[in-house]
Amino acid sequence: MADLITTCYGGRNRKCAEAFTRRRAAQGKRDWEPEECVDLWKQVEDDLLNGQKLQGTLACKEVYLVLESRGLLNSFPLIKTIHEISFQCTPVENIIDGIIVRDSVCHSNL
């Protein structure tokens, strides 16, 4: 449990996600192209990690692809929403869509 708490509050994935979000907000534009988000992740990684690689973005991409290939994306709304924000450049404010639990998600057949 302590590792999970430490990762959530102080890990490099959280730190980089915060920087990504703040930099997107600082740009003051709502519409981003997917390539812009990929470039921003690279900038954040270069600026904050001193040569280390960000693992959370890779994991998110891989999990998304597996869920998509199995038709399960709607059963994992937080993963879907994080991927959309991170790589499809939907507005950061959409994160709430991944947190709200809907009946269709609760009763899916996993």
Protein backbone atom coordinates (compact mmCIF):
# COMPACT_ATOMS: atom_id res chain seq x y z
CA MET A 1 0.00 0.00 0.00
CA ALA A 2 2.83 2.41 0.82
CA ASP A 3 4.35 1.92 -2.65
CA LEU A 4 1.03 2.76 -4.28
CA ILE A 5 0.63 5.92 -2.21
CA THR A 6 4.21 6.98 -2.92
CA THR A 7 3.78 6.40 -6.64
CA CYS A 8 0.52 8.36 -6.78
CA TYR A 9 1.87 11.36 -4.91
CA GLY A 10 5.53 11.48 -5.83
CA GLY A 11 6.28 9.18 -8.74
CA ARG A 12 7.66 10.32 -12.06
CA ASN A 13 4.44 9.41 -13.89
CA ARG A 14 2.41 11.72 -11.67
CA LYS A 15 5.04 14.44 -11.86
CA CYS A 16 5.17 14.26 -15.66
CA ALA A 17 1.39 14.06 -16.03
CA GLU A 18 1.08 17.22 -13.94
CA ALA A 19 3.68 18.98 -16.09
CA PHE A 20 1.93 17.79 -19.28
CA THR A 21 -1.40 19.13 -18.02
CA ARG A 22 0.02 22.46 -16.86
CA ARG A 23 1.84 23.00 -20.14
CA ARG A 24 -1.26 22.23 -22.15
CA ALA A 25 -3.25 24.68 -20.02
CA ALA A 26 -0.54 27.35 -20.34
CA GLN A 27 -0.82 27.20 -24.12
CA GLY A 28 -4.34 28.57 -23.80
CA LYS A 29 -5.76 26.61 -26.71
CA ARG A 30 -8.46 24.00 -26.60
CA ASP A 31 -7.82 22.12 -29.83
CA TRP A 32 -4.60 20.12 -30.01
CA GLU A 33 -3.40 17.77 -32.70
CA PRO A 34 -2.28 14.30 -31.57
CA GLU A 35 1.27 14.99 -32.80
CA GLU A 36 1.41 18.02 -30.50
CA CYS A 37 0.64 15.84 -27.49
CA VAL A 38 3.30 13.31 -28.47
CA ASP A 39 5.83 16.15 -28.79
CA LEU A 40 4.76 17.59 -25.44
CA TRP A 41 5.28 14.24 -23.70
CA LYS A 42 8.78 14.09 -25.19
CA GLN A 43 9.54 17.62 -23.96
CA VAL A 44 8.27 16.82 -20.46
CA GLU A 45 10.30 13.62 -20.35
CA ASP A 46 13.45 15.42 -21.52
CA ASP A 47 12.97 18.33 -19.11
CA LEU A 48 12.09 16.41 -15.95
CA LEU A 49 13.59 12.94 -16.03
CA ASN A 50 17.30 13.51 -16.65
CA GLY A 51 17.58 10.72 -19.21
CA GLN A 52 15.11 8.32 -17.58
CA LYS A 53 12.13 7.17 -19.61
CA LEU A 54 8.52 7.67 -18.69
CA GLN A 55 6.89 4.25 -18.25
CA GLY A 56 3.29 5.27 -17.63
CA THR A 57 2.69 6.52 -21.16
CA LEU A 58 3.98 3.27 -22.66
CA ALA A 59 1.83 1.21 -20.31
CA CYS A 60 -1.21 3.32 -21.13
CA LYS A 61 -0.72 2.79 -24.88
CA GLU A 62 -0.27 -0.96 -24.48
CA VAL A 63 -3.25 -1.45 -22.17
CA TYR A 64 -5.42 0.68 -24.48
CA LEU A 65 -4.48 -1.46 -27.50
CA VAL A 66 -5.27 -4.70 -25.66
CA LEU A 67 -8.62 -3.42 -24.41
CA GLU A 68 -9.50 -2.03 -27.83
CA SER A 69 -8.63 -5.32 -29.57
CA ARG A 70 -10.95 -7.17 -27.19
CA GLY A 71 -13.79 -4.66 -27.38
CA LEU A 72 -13.44 -3.76 -23.70
CA LEU A 73 -12.59 -0.05 -23.78
CA ASN A 74 -15.98 1.03 -22.50
CA SER A 75 -15.55 -1.29 -19.52
CA PHE A 76 -12.44 0.65 -18.47
CA PRO A 77 -13.46 4.31 -18.82
CA LEU A 78 -10.51 5.74 -16.88
CA ILE A 79 -7.92 4.02 -19.10
CA LYS A 80 -9.86 5.09 -22.18
CA THR A 81 -10.10 8.70 -21.01
CA ILE A 82 -6.45 8.92 -19.97
CA HIS A 83 -5.41 7.64 -23.39
CA GLU A 84 -7.72 10.09 -25.17
CA ILE A 85 -6.31 13.02 -23.20
CA SER A 86 -2.71 11.91 -23.51
CA PHE A 87 -2.55 10.80 -27.14
CA GLN A 88 -5.70 11.94 -28.92
CA CYS A 89 -5.51 15.36 -27.28
CA THR A 90 -9.04 15.58 -25.99
CA PRO A 91 -9.42 18.33 -23.37
CA VAL A 92 -7.85 17.60 -20.00
CA GLU A 93 -11.13 18.51 -18.34
CA ASN A 94 -12.55 15.27 -19.77
CA ILE A 95 -10.75 13.32 -17.04
CA ILE A 96 -14.00 13.39 -15.08
CA ASP A 97 -15.53 11.17 -17.79
CA GLY A 98 -13.15 8.42 -16.76
CA ILE A 99 -14.02 8.72 -13.09
CA ILE A 100 -17.81 8.73 -13.25
CA VAL A 101 -19.20 5.22 -12.86
CA ARG A 102 -22.09 4.40 -15.13
CA ASP A 103 -24.47 1.46 -14.80
CA SER A 104 -23.41 0.08 -18.18
CA VAL A 105 -19.83 -0.14 -16.95
CA CYS A 106 -20.76 -1.71 -13.62
CA HIS A 107 -22.80 -4.46 -15.27
CA SER A 108 -20.50 -5.33 -18.15
CA ASN A 109 -19.49 -8.92 -18.72
CA LEU A 110 -15.76 -9.06 -18.15
